[in-house]
Amino acid sequence: MADFVDSTAFNFEQGQRARKLFAAVVLAALDDAIADDKKYGNGPEQIARWARSRDGREVLSCAGIDPNERVVKGLMEFVSKGVRTSVALSREESERRAAMEADQAEAA
């Protein structure tokens, strides 16, 4: 019984590591699309084309993201904002956004 539990825990850990790896690929694709948007102006279209492709759907699925049209629209919106993923995921950016939203709520 203990061997079964150990192997199940090991398999779960391996699955989590693989999911994180594929999530990193999604973040890299977003950064590439943001760079394309700044350079050529077609970033949202690029990420949408990738996300709708066979490879893109496979990577999104392996990252634990359901590759539906709502997700594609969200990825396009994220790219159109032009904020790199490393910045968007940082604590400082989260605090800055929260402060901006609080200021907007007070003004309204």
PDB file of N, CA and C in Angstrom:
ATOM      1  N   MET A   1       0.824  -1.194   0.000  1.00  0.00           N
ATOM      2  CA  MET A   1       0.000   0.000   0.000  1.00  0.00           C
ATOM      3  C   MET A   1       0.868   1.259   0.000  1.00  0.00           C
ATOM      4  N   ALA A   2       1.938   1.246   0.808  1.00  0.00           N
ATOM      5  CA  ALA A   2       2.824   2.408   0.875  1.00  0.00           C
ATOM      6  C   ALA A   2       3.484   2.651  -0.483  1.00  0.00           C
ATOM      7  N   ASP A   3       3.827   1.598  -1.188  1.00  0.00           N
ATOM      8  CA  ASP A   3       4.434   1.767  -2.516  1.00  0.00           C
ATOM      9  C   ASP A   3       3.467   2.434  -3.479  1.00  0.00           C
ATOM     10  N   PHE A   4       2.170   2.080  -3.374  1.00  0.00           N
ATOM     11  CA  PHE A   4       1.159   2.686  -4.242  1.00  0.00           C
ATOM     12  C   PHE A   4       1.048   4.176  -3.965  1.00  0.00           C
ATOM     13  N   VAL A   5       1.035   4.548  -2.702  1.00  0.00           N
ATOM     14  CA  VAL A   5       0.934   5.963  -2.332  1.00  0.00           C
ATOM     15  C   VAL A   5       2.161   6.727  -2.813  1.00  0.00           C
ATOM     16  N   ASP A   6       3.348   6.135  -2.611  1.00  0.00           N
ATOM     17  CA  ASP A   6       4.575   6.791  -3.063  1.00  0.00           C
ATOM     18  C   ASP A   6       4.592   6.986  -4.570  1.00  0.00           C
ATOM     19  N   SER A   7       4.180   5.987  -5.322  1.00  0.00           N
ATOM     20  CA  SER A   7       4.199   6.111  -6.781  1.00  0.00           C
ATOM     21  C   SER A   7       3.132   7.094  -7.253  1.00  0.00           C
ATOM     22  N   THR A   8       1.996   7.126  -6.576  1.00  0.00           N
ATOM     23  CA  THR A   8       0.953   8.092  -6.943  1.00  0.00           C
ATOM     24  C   THR A   8       1.431   9.514  -6.683  1.00  0.00           C
ATOM     25  N   ALA A   9       2.063   9.742  -5.536  1.00  0.00           N
ATOM     26  CA  ALA A   9       2.587  11.070  -5.224  1.00  0.00           C
ATOM     27  C   ALA A   9       3.668  11.466  -6.224  1.00  0.00           C
ATOM     28  N   PHE A  10       4.522  10.523  -6.585  1.00  0.00           N
ATOM     29  CA  PHE A  10       5.582  10.804  -7.552  1.00  0.00           C
ATOM     30  C   PHE A  10       4.984  11.180  -8.906  1.00  0.00           C
ATOM     31  N   ASN A  11       3.996  10.421  -9.346  1.00  0.00           N
ATOM     32  CA  ASN A  11       3.355  10.706 -10.629  1.00  0.00           C
ATOM     33  C   ASN A  11       2.672  12.068 -10.613  1.00  0.00           C
ATOM     34  N   PHE A  12       2.047  12.403  -9.494  1.00  0.00           N
ATOM     35  CA  PHE A  12       1.386  13.707  -9.382  1.00  0.00           C
ATOM     36  C   PHE A  12       2.422  14.829  -9.478  1.00  0.00           C
ATOM     37  N   GLU A  13       3.541  14.662  -8.775  1.00  0.00           N
ATOM     38  CA  GLU A  13       4.607  15.671  -8.833  1.00  0.00           C
ATOM     39  C   GLU A  13       5.152  15.835 -10.244  1.00  0.00           C
ATOM     40  N   GLN A  14       5.356  14.728 -10.926  1.00  0.00           N
ATOM     41  CA  GLN A  14       5.848  14.788 -12.303  1.00  0.00           C
ATOM     42  C   GLN A  14       4.848  15.526 -13.197  1.00  0.00           C
ATOM     43  N   GLY A  15       3.571  15.258 -12.986  1.00  0.00           N
ATOM     44  CA  GLY A  15       2.539  15.945 -13.759  1.00  0.00           C
ATOM     45  C   GLY A  15       2.534  17.440 -13.500  1.00  0.00           C
ATOM     46  N   GLN A  16       2.714  17.825 -12.250  1.00  0.00           N
ATOM     47  CA  GLN A  16       2.756  19.249 -11.905  1.00  0.00           C
ATOM     48  C   GLN A  16       3.971  19.926 -12.542  1.00  0.00           C
ATOM     49  N   ARG A  17       5.098  19.245 -12.537  1.00  0.00           N
ATOM     50  CA  ARG A  17       6.298  19.804 -13.178  1.00  0.00           C
ATOM     51  C   ARG A  17       6.085  19.989 -14.677  1.00  0.00           C
ATOM     52  N   ALA A  18       5.470  19.000 -15.309  1.00  0.00           N
ATOM     53  CA  ALA A  18       5.205  19.104 -16.749  1.00  0.00           C
ATOM     54  C   ALA A  18       4.243  20.250 -17.040  1.00  0.00           C
ATOM     55  N   ARG A  19       3.229  20.410 -16.205  1.00  0.00           N
ATOM     56  CA  ARG A  19       2.263  21.497 -16.394  1.00  0.00           C
ATOM     57  C   ARG A  19       2.961  22.845 -16.280  1.00  0.00           C
ATOM     58  N   LYS A  20       3.868  22.993 -15.320  1.00  0.00           N
ATOM     59  CA  LYS A  20       4.612  24.249 -15.162  1.00  0.00           C
ATOM     60  C   LYS A  20       5.502  24.513 -16.369  1.00  0.00           C
ATOM     61  N   LEU A  21       6.090  23.466 -16.909  1.00  0.00           N
ATOM     62  CA  LEU A  21       6.932  23.611 -18.094  1.00  0.00           C
ATOM     63  C   LEU A  21       6.111  24.136 -19.272  1.00  0.00           C
ATOM     64  N   PHE A  22       4.944  23.564 -19.487  1.00  0.00           N
ATOM     65  CA  PHE A  22       4.098  24.021 -20.592  1.00  0.00           C
ATOM     66  C   PHE A  22       3.544  25.419 -20.330  1.00  0.00           C
ATOM     67  N   ALA A  23       3.299  25.756 -19.065  1.00  0.00           N
ATOM     68  CA  ALA A  23       2.860  27.118 -18.739  1.00  0.00           C
ATOM     69  C   ALA A  23       3.961  28.118 -19.088  1.00  0.00           C
ATOM     70  N   ALA A  24       5.214  27.728 -18.886  1.00  0.00           N
ATOM     71  CA  ALA A  24       6.331  28.595 -19.262  1.00  0.00           C
ATOM     72  C   ALA A  24       6.381  28.797 -20.772  1.00  0.00           C
ATOM     73  N   VAL A  25       6.031  27.778 -21.525  1.00  0.00           N
ATOM     74  CA  VAL A  25       5.984  27.909 -22.985  1.00  0.00           C
ATOM     75  C   VAL A  25       4.889  28.902 -23.391  1.00  0.00           C
ATOM     76  N   VAL A  26       3.751  28.851 -22.721  1.00  0.00           N
ATOM     77  CA  VAL A  26       2.666  29.799 -23.003  1.00  0.00           C
ATOM     78  C   VAL A  26       3.131  31.220 -22.701  1.00  0.00           C
ATOM     79  N   LEU A  27       3.809  31.420 -21.571  1.00  0.00           N
ATOM     80  CA  LEU A  27       4.316  32.754 -21.233  1.00  0.00           C
ATOM     81  C   LEU A  27       5.329  33.237 -22.264  1.00  0.00           C
ATOM     82  N   ALA A  28       6.180  32.347 -22.749  1.00  0.00           N
ATOM     83  CA  ALA A  28       7.150  32.718 -23.783  1.00  0.00           C
ATOM     84  C   ALA A  28       6.439  33.108 -25.080  1.00  0.00           C
ATOM     85  N   ALA A  29       5.377  32.384 -25.418  1.00  0.00           N
ATOM     86  CA  ALA A  29       4.609  32.725 -26.622  1.00  0.00           C
ATOM     87  C   ALA A  29       3.964  34.107 -26.475  1.00  0.00           C
ATOM     88  N   LEU A  30       3.490  34.409 -25.279  1.00  0.00           N
ATOM     89  CA  LEU A  30       2.909  35.735 -25.035  1.00  0.00           C
ATOM     90  C   LEU A  30       3.972  36.826 -25.182  1.00  0.00           C
ATOM     91  N   ASP A  31       5.155  36.590 -24.618  1.00  0.00           N
ATOM     92  CA  ASP A  31       6.232  37.575 -24.747  1.00  0.00           C
ATOM     93  C   ASP A  31       6.639  37.769 -26.201  1.00  0.00           C
ATOM     94  N   ASP A  32       6.694  36.690 -26.958  1.00  0.00           N
ATOM     95  CA  ASP A  32       7.019  36.800 -28.385  1.00  0.00           C
ATOM     96  C   ASP A  32       5.961  37.608 -29.131  1.00  0.00           C
ATOM     97  N   ALA A  33       4.704  37.377 -28.799  1.00  0.00           N
ATOM     98  CA  ALA A  33       3.629  38.119 -29.458  1.00  0.00           C
ATOM     99  C   ALA A  33       3.668  39.596 -29.076  1.00  0.00           C
ATOM    100  N   ILE A  34       4.021  39.891 -27.820  1.00  0.00           N
ATOM    101  CA  ILE A  34       4.145  41.291 -27.397  1.00  0.00           C
ATOM    102  C   ILE A  34       5.294  41.964 -28.151  1.00  0.00           C
ATOM    103  N   ALA A  35       6.398  41.247 -28.316  1.00  0.00           N
ATOM    104  CA  ALA A  35       7.524  41.789 -29.083  1.00  0.00           C
ATOM    105  C   ALA A  35       7.119  42.024 -30.538  1.00  0.00           C
ATOM    106  N   ASP A  36       6.376  41.094 -31.122  1.00  0.00           N
ATOM    107  CA  ASP A  36       5.880  41.280 -32.492  1.00  0.00           C
ATOM    108  C   ASP A  36       4.950  42.478 -32.581  1.00  0.00           C
ATOM    109  N   ASP A  37       4.135  42.671 -31.551  1.00  0.00           N
ATOM    110  CA  ASP A  37       3.194  43.783 -31.554  1.00  0.00           C
ATOM    111  C   ASP A  37       3.944  45.113 -31.531  1.00  0.00           C
ATOM    112  N   LYS A  38       5.008  45.178 -30.744  1.00  0.00           N
ATOM    113  CA  LYS A  38       5.785  46.423 -30.681  1.00  0.00           C
ATOM    114  C   LYS A  38       6.563  46.664 -31.962  1.00  0.00           C
ATOM    115  N   LYS A  39       7.018  45.585 -32.586  1.00  0.00           N
ATOM    116  CA  LYS A  39       7.860  45.722 -33.780  1.00  0.00           C
ATOM    117  C   LYS A  39       7.031  45.856 -35.060  1.00  0.00           C
ATOM    118  N   TYR A  40       6.023  44.974 -35.206  1.00  0.00           N
ATOM    119  CA  TYR A  40       5.256  44.922 -36.457  1.00  0.00           C
ATOM    120  C   TYR A  40       3.798  45.339 -36.318  1.00  0.00           C
ATOM    121  N   GLY A  41       3.282  45.378 -35.086  1.00  0.00           N
ATOM    122  CA  GLY A  41       1.898  45.776 -34.865  1.00  0.00           C
ATOM    123  C   GLY A  41       0.885  44.660 -35.052  1.00  0.00           C
ATOM    124  N   ASN A  42       1.335  43.403 -35.086  1.00  0.00           N
ATOM    125  CA  ASN A  42       0.396  42.301 -35.314  1.00  0.00           C
ATOM    126  C   ASN A  42       0.427  41.256 -34.194  1.00  0.00           C
ATOM    127  N   GLY A  43       0.760  41.659 -32.978  1.00  0.00           N
ATOM    128  CA  GLY A  43       0.890  40.721 -31.863  1.00  0.00           C
ATOM    129  C   GLY A  43      -0.376  39.954 -31.524  1.00  0.00           C
ATOM    130  N   PRO A  44      -1.522  40.648 -31.361  1.00  0.00           N
ATOM    131  CA  PRO A  44      -2.751  39.914 -31.037  1.00  0.00           C
ATOM    132  C   PRO A  44      -3.134  38.883 -32.099  1.00  0.00           C
ATOM    133  N   GLU A  45      -2.923  39.215 -33.365  1.00  0.00           N
ATOM    134  CA  GLU A  45      -3.234  38.261 -34.423  1.00  0.00           C
ATOM    135  C   GLU A  45      -2.287  37.061 -34.368  1.00  0.00           C
ATOM    136  N   GLN A  46      -1.020  37.315 -34.038  1.00  0.00           N
ATOM    137  CA  GLN A  46      -0.038  36.235 -33.948  1.00  0.00           C
ATOM    138  C   GLN A  46      -0.383  35.260 -32.834  1.00  0.00           C
ATOM    139  N   ILE A  47      -0.740  35.781 -31.645  1.00  0.00           N
ATOM    140  CA  ILE A  47      -1.044  34.886 -30.525  1.00  0.00           C
ATOM    141  C   ILE A  47      -2.346  34.139 -30.800  1.00  0.00           C
ATOM    142  N   ALA A  48      -3.279  34.783 -31.473  1.00  0.00           N
ATOM    143  CA  ALA A  48      -4.539  34.102 -31.806  1.00  0.00           C
ATOM    144  C   ALA A  48      -4.284  32.971 -32.802  1.00  0.00           C
ATOM    145  N   ARG A  49      -3.447  33.238 -33.793  1.00  0.00           N
ATOM    146  CA  ARG A  49      -3.120  32.201 -34.779  1.00  0.00           C
ATOM    147  C   ARG A  49      -2.436  31.028 -34.095  1.00  0.00           C
ATOM    148  N   TRP A  50      -1.498  31.331 -33.170  1.00  0.00           N
ATOM    149  CA  TRP A  50      -0.794  30.264 -32.452  1.00  0.00           C
ATOM    150  C   TRP A  50      -1.762  29.482 -31.562  1.00  0.00           C
ATOM    151  N   ALA A  51      -2.594  30.179 -30.814  1.00  0.00           N
ATOM    152  CA  ALA A  51      -3.497  29.517 -29.873  1.00  0.00           C
ATOM    153  C   ALA A  51      -4.535  28.652 -30.589  1.00  0.00           C
ATOM    154  N   ARG A  52      -4.887  29.019 -31.806  1.00  0.00           N
ATOM    155  CA  ARG A  52      -5.873  28.240 -32.562  1.00  0.00           C
ATOM    156  C   ARG A  52      -5.227  27.102 -33.348  1.00  0.00           C
ATOM    157  N   SER A  53      -3.903  27.143 -33.458  1.00  0.00           N
ATOM    158  CA  SER A  53      -3.213  26.085 -34.201  1.00  0.00           C
ATOM    159  C   SER A  53      -3.220  24.789 -33.397  1.00  0.00           C
ATOM    160  N   ARG A  54      -2.891  23.717 -34.076  1.00  0.00           N
ATOM    161  CA  ARG A  54      -2.860  22.407 -33.417  1.00  0.00           C
ATOM    162  C   ARG A  54      -1.827  22.392 -32.289  1.00  0.00           C
ATOM    163  N   ASP A  55      -0.631  22.913 -32.576  1.00  0.00           N
ATOM    164  CA  ASP A  55       0.421  22.950 -31.555  1.00  0.00           C
ATOM    165  C   ASP A  55       0.029  23.838 -30.382  1.00  0.00           C
ATOM    166  N   GLY A  56      -0.536  24.980 -30.689  1.00  0.00           N
ATOM    167  CA  GLY A  56      -0.953  25.895 -29.629  1.00  0.00           C
ATOM    168  C   GLY A  56      -2.005  25.284 -28.726  1.00  0.00           C
ATOM    169  N   ARG A  57      -2.997  24.633 -29.327  1.00  0.00           N
ATOM    170  CA  ARG A  57      -4.040  23.982 -28.514  1.00  0.00           C
ATOM    171  C   ARG A  57      -3.447  22.893 -27.646  1.00  0.00           C
ATOM    172  N   GLU A  58      -2.482  22.154 -28.191  1.00  0.00           N
ATOM    173  CA  GLU A  58      -1.829  21.080 -27.433  1.00  0.00           C
ATOM    174  C   GLU A  58      -1.045  21.649 -26.249  1.00  0.00           C
ATOM    175  N   VAL A  59      -0.292  22.721 -26.483  1.00  0.00           N
ATOM    176  CA  VAL A  59       0.491  23.334 -25.405  1.00  0.00           C
ATOM    177  C   VAL A  59      -0.436  23.908 -24.338  1.00  0.00           C
ATOM    178  N   LEU A  60      -1.491  24.589 -24.745  1.00  0.00           N
ATOM    179  CA  LEU A  60      -2.444  25.134 -23.771  1.00  0.00           C
ATOM    180  C   LEU A  60      -3.071  24.023 -22.941  1.00  0.00           C
ATOM    181  N   SER A  61      -3.451  22.937 -23.592  1.00  0.00           N
ATOM    182  CA  SER A  61      -4.037  21.810 -22.865  1.00  0.00           C
ATOM    183  C   SER A  61      -3.050  21.218 -21.870  1.00  0.00           C
ATOM    184  N   CYS A  62      -1.819  21.044 -22.286  1.00  0.00           N
ATOM    185  CA  CYS A  62      -0.801  20.480 -21.390  1.00  0.00           C
ATOM    186  C   CYS A  62      -0.470  21.430 -20.237  1.00  0.00           C
ATOM    187  N   ALA A  63      -0.702  22.720 -20.435  1.00  0.00           N
ATOM    188  CA  ALA A  63      -0.481  23.699 -19.368  1.00  0.00           C
ATOM    189  C   ALA A  63      -1.672  23.771 -18.423  1.00  0.00           C
ATOM    190  N   GLY A  64      -2.720  23.032 -18.727  1.00  0.00           N
ATOM    191  CA  GLY A  64      -3.909  23.047 -17.880  1.00  0.00           C
ATOM    192  C   GLY A  64      -4.888  24.146 -18.241  1.00  0.00           C
ATOM    193  N   ILE A  65      -4.791  24.674 -19.452  1.00  0.00           N
ATOM    194  CA  ILE A  65      -5.662  25.749 -19.923  1.00  0.00           C
ATOM    195  C   ILE A  65      -6.563  25.188 -21.008  1.00  0.00           C
ATOM    196  N   ASP A  66      -7.866  25.391 -20.864  1.00  0.00           N
ATOM    197  CA  ASP A  66      -8.814  24.912 -21.866  1.00  0.00           C
ATOM    198  C   ASP A  66      -8.696  25.798 -23.111  1.00  0.00           C
ATOM    199  N   PRO A  67      -8.303  25.245 -24.252  1.00  0.00           N
ATOM    200  CA  PRO A  67      -8.057  26.074 -25.441  1.00  0.00           C
ATOM    201  C   PRO A  67      -9.341  26.452 -26.179  1.00  0.00           C
ATOM    202  N   ASN A  68     -10.179  27.249 -25.554  1.00  0.00           N
ATOM    203  CA  ASN A  68     -11.418  27.674 -26.202  1.00  0.00           C
ATOM    204  C   ASN A  68     -11.298  29.123 -26.690  1.00  0.00           C
ATOM    205  N   GLU A  69     -12.318  29.592 -27.329  1.00  0.00           N
ATOM    206  CA  GLU A  69     -12.276  30.926 -27.938  1.00  0.00           C
ATOM    207  C   GLU A  69     -12.184  32.030 -26.890  1.00  0.00           C
ATOM    208  N   ARG A  70     -12.754  31.802 -25.739  1.00  0.00           N
ATOM    209  CA  ARG A  70     -12.672  32.801 -24.660  1.00  0.00           C
ATOM    210  C   ARG A  70     -11.208  32.987 -24.224  1.00  0.00           C
ATOM    211  N   VAL A  71     -10.478  31.906 -24.149  1.00  0.00           N
ATOM    212  CA  VAL A  71      -9.061  31.974 -23.795  1.00  0.00           C
ATOM    213  C   VAL A  71      -8.285  32.715 -24.884  1.00  0.00           C
ATOM    214  N   VAL A  72      -8.590  32.443 -26.129  1.00  0.00           N
ATOM    215  CA  VAL A  72      -7.910  33.122 -27.238  1.00  0.00           C
ATOM    216  C   VAL A  72      -8.143  34.626 -27.151  1.00  0.00           C
ATOM    217  N   LYS A  73      -9.362  35.027 -26.874  1.00  0.00           N
ATOM    218  CA  LYS A  73      -9.665  36.462 -26.746  1.00  0.00           C
ATOM    219  C   LYS A  73      -8.907  37.077 -25.570  1.00  0.00           C
ATOM    220  N   GLY A  74      -8.804  36.337 -24.467  1.00  0.00           N
ATOM    221  CA  GLY A  74      -8.041  36.819 -23.318  1.00  0.00           C
ATOM    222  C   GLY A  74      -6.565  36.975 -23.622  1.00  0.00           C
ATOM    223  N   LEU A  75      -6.007  36.019 -24.345  1.00  0.00           N
ATOM    224  CA  LEU A  75      -4.600  36.113 -24.748  1.00  0.00           C
ATOM    225  C   LEU A  75      -4.389  37.323 -25.666  1.00  0.00           C
ATOM    226  N   MET A  76      -5.309  37.538 -26.586  1.00  0.00           N
ATOM    227  CA  MET A  76      -5.209  38.681 -27.496  1.00  0.00           C
ATOM    228  C   MET A  76      -5.279  40.001 -26.716  1.00  0.00           C
ATOM    229  N   GLU A  77      -6.174  40.059 -25.748  1.00  0.00           N
ATOM    230  CA  GLU A  77      -6.305  41.273 -24.932  1.00  0.00           C
ATOM    231  C   GLU A  77      -5.031  41.526 -24.125  1.00  0.00           C
ATOM    232  N   PHE A  78      -4.473  40.451 -23.567  1.00  0.00           N
ATOM    233  CA  PHE A  78      -3.239  40.578 -22.800  1.00  0.00           C
ATOM    234  C   PHE A  78      -2.117  41.123 -23.676  1.00  0.00           C
ATOM    235  N   VAL A  79      -1.983  40.589 -24.875  1.00  0.00           N
ATOM    236  CA  VAL A  79      -0.924  41.037 -25.784  1.00  0.00           C
ATOM    237  C   VAL A  79      -1.153  42.488 -26.193  1.00  0.00           C
ATOM    238  N   SER A  80      -2.396  42.868 -26.414  1.00  0.00           N
ATOM    239  CA  SER A  80      -2.672  44.237 -26.850  1.00  0.00           C
ATOM    240  C   SER A  80      -2.338  45.261 -25.768  1.00  0.00           C
ATOM    241  N   LYS A  81      -2.341  44.841 -24.491  1.00  0.00           N
ATOM    242  CA  LYS A  81      -1.946  45.763 -23.415  1.00  0.00           C
ATOM    243  C   LYS A  81      -0.459  46.052 -23.445  1.00  0.00           C
ATOM    244  N   GLY A  82       0.339  45.124 -23.976  1.00  0.00           N
ATOM    245  CA  GLY A  82       1.757  45.359 -24.161  1.00  0.00           C
ATOM    246  C   GLY A  82       2.615  45.231 -22.923  1.00  0.00           C
ATOM    247  N   VAL A  83       2.104  44.633 -21.858  1.00  0.00           N
ATOM    248  CA  VAL A  83       2.877  44.457 -20.629  1.00  0.00           C
ATOM    249  C   VAL A  83       3.516  43.085 -20.657  1.00  0.00           C
ATOM    250  N   ARG A  84       4.841  43.021 -20.566  1.00  0.00           N
ATOM    251  CA  ARG A  84       5.560  41.742 -20.584  1.00  0.00           C
ATOM    252  C   ARG A  84       5.078  40.863 -19.439  1.00  0.00           C
ATOM    253  N   THR A  85       5.147  39.561 -19.625  1.00  0.00           N
ATOM    254  CA  THR A  85       4.634  38.640 -18.610  1.00  0.00           C
ATOM    255  C   THR A  85       5.418  38.739 -17.312  1.00  0.00           C
ATOM    256  N   SER A  86       6.716  38.950 -17.385  1.00  0.00           N
ATOM    257  CA  SER A  86       7.514  39.056 -16.162  1.00  0.00           C
ATOM    258  C   SER A  86       7.090  40.266 -15.339  1.00  0.00           C
ATOM    259  N   VAL A  87       6.721  41.338 -16.005  1.00  0.00           N
ATOM    260  CA  VAL A  87       6.265  42.541 -15.311  1.00  0.00           C
ATOM    261  C   VAL A  87       4.844  42.334 -14.789  1.00  0.00           C
ATOM    262  N   ALA A  88       3.996  41.737 -15.603  1.00  0.00           N
ATOM    263  CA  ALA A  88       2.601  41.544 -15.218  1.00  0.00           C
ATOM    264  C   ALA A  88       2.468  40.611 -14.019  1.00  0.00           C
ATOM    265  N   LEU A  89       3.388  39.672 -13.868  1.00  0.00           N
ATOM    266  CA  LEU A  89       3.331  38.731 -12.769  1.00  0.00           C
ATOM    267  C   LEU A  89       4.067  39.207 -11.523  1.00  0.00           C
ATOM    268  N   SER A  90       4.684  40.379 -11.578  1.00  0.00           N
ATOM    269  CA  SER A  90       5.441  40.872 -10.435  1.00  0.00           C
ATOM    270  C   SER A  90       4.525  41.491  -9.387  1.00  0.00           C
ATOM    271  N   ARG A  91       4.976  41.504  -8.176  1.00  0.00           N
ATOM    272  CA  ARG A  91       4.202  42.062  -7.069  1.00  0.00           C
ATOM    273  C   ARG A  91       4.013  43.571  -7.234  1.00  0.00           C
ATOM    274  N   GLU A  92       5.046  44.273  -7.694  1.00  0.00           N
ATOM    275  CA  GLU A  92       4.955  45.715  -7.843  1.00  0.00           C
ATOM    276  C   GLU A  92       3.864  46.098  -8.833  1.00  0.00           C
ATOM    277  N   GLU A  93       3.777  45.359  -9.935  1.00  0.00           N
ATOM    278  CA  GLU A  93       2.750  45.645 -10.935  1.00  0.00           C
ATOM    279  C   GLU A  93       1.362  45.394 -10.364  1.00  0.00           C
ATOM    280  N   SER A  94       1.206  44.344  -9.596  1.00  0.00           N
ATOM    281  CA  SER A  94      -0.088  44.043  -8.979  1.00  0.00           C
ATOM    282  C   SER A  94      -0.490  45.158  -8.014  1.00  0.00           C
ATOM    283  N   GLU A  95       0.458  45.628  -7.226  1.00  0.00           N
ATOM    284  CA  GLU A  95       0.168  46.711  -6.287  1.00  0.00           C
ATOM    285  C   GLU A  95      -0.160  47.999  -7.023  1.00  0.00           C
ATOM    286  N   ARG A  96       0.548  48.261  -8.109  1.00  0.00           N
ATOM    287  CA  ARG A  96       0.286  49.480  -8.892  1.00  0.00           C
ATOM    288  C   ARG A  96      -1.113  49.444  -9.499  1.00  0.00           C
ATOM    289  N   ARG A  97      -1.488  48.293 -10.047  1.00  0.00           N
ATOM    290  CA  ARG A  97      -2.832  48.156 -10.622  1.00  0.00           C
ATOM    291  C   ARG A  97      -3.911  48.307  -9.564  1.00  0.00           C
ATOM    292  N   ALA A  98      -3.699  47.720  -8.395  1.00  0.00           N
ATOM    293  CA  ALA A  98      -4.674  47.835  -7.309  1.00  0.00           C
ATOM    294  C   ALA A  98      -4.826  49.289  -6.885  1.00  0.00           C
ATOM    295  N   ALA A  99      -3.719  50.023  -6.818  1.00  0.00           N
ATOM    296  CA  ALA A  99      -3.778  51.434  -6.453  1.00  0.00           C
ATOM    297  C   ALA A  99      -4.517  52.247  -7.520  1.00  0.00           C
ATOM    298  N   MET A 100      -4.266  51.942  -8.797  1.00  0.00           N
ATOM    299  CA  MET A 100      -4.967  52.648  -9.874  1.00  0.00           C
ATOM    300  C   MET A 100      -6.465  52.389  -9.818  1.00  0.00           C
ATOM    301  N   GLU A 101      -6.853  51.138  -9.582  1.00  0.00           N
ATOM    302  CA  GLU A 101      -8.269  50.796  -9.500  1.00  0.00           C
ATOM    303  C   GLU A 101      -8.929  51.475  -8.307  1.00  0.00           C
ATOM    304  N   ALA A 102      -8.215  51.570  -7.191  1.00  0.00           N
ATOM    305  CA  ALA A 102      -8.752  52.254  -6.021  1.00  0.00           C
ATOM    306  C   ALA A 102      -8.941  53.743  -6.291  1.00  0.00           C
ATOM    307  N   ASP A 103      -7.969  54.349  -6.998  1.00  0.00           N
ATOM    308  CA  ASP A 103      -8.082  55.763  -7.358  1.00  0.00           C
ATOM    309  C   ASP A 103      -9.261  56.005  -8.290  1.00  0.00           C
ATOM    310  N   GLN A 104      -9.462  55.096  -9.254  1.00  0.00           N
ATOM    311  CA  GLN A 104     -10.580  55.214 -10.176  1.00  0.00           C
ATOM    312  C   GLN A 104     -11.914  55.047  -9.457  1.00  0.00           C
ATOM    313  N   ALA A 105     -11.965  54.152  -8.484  1.00  0.00           N
ATOM    314  CA  ALA A 105     -13.200  53.935  -7.723  1.00  0.00           C
ATOM    315  C   ALA A 105     -13.534  55.162  -6.878  1.00  0.00           C
ATOM    316  N   GLU A 106     -12.519  55.822  -6.304  1.00  0.00           N
ATOM    317  CA  GLU A 106     -12.747  57.027  -5.524  1.00  0.00           C
ATOM    318  C   GLU A 106     -13.215  58.179  -6.402  1.00  0.00           C
ATOM    319  N   ALA A 107     -12.678  58.257  -7.618  1.00  0.00           N
ATOM    320  CA  ALA A 107     -13.054  59.336  -8.527  1.00  0.00           C
ATOM    321  C   ALA A 107     -14.484  59.185  -9.029  1.00  0.00           C
ATOM    322  N   ALA A 108     -14.980  57.974  -9.071  1.00  0.00           N
ATOM    323  CA  ALA A 108     -16.328  57.734  -9.594  1.00  0.00           C
ATOM    324  C   ALA A 108     -17.353  57.910  -8.542  1.00  0.00           C
TER     325      ALA A 108
END
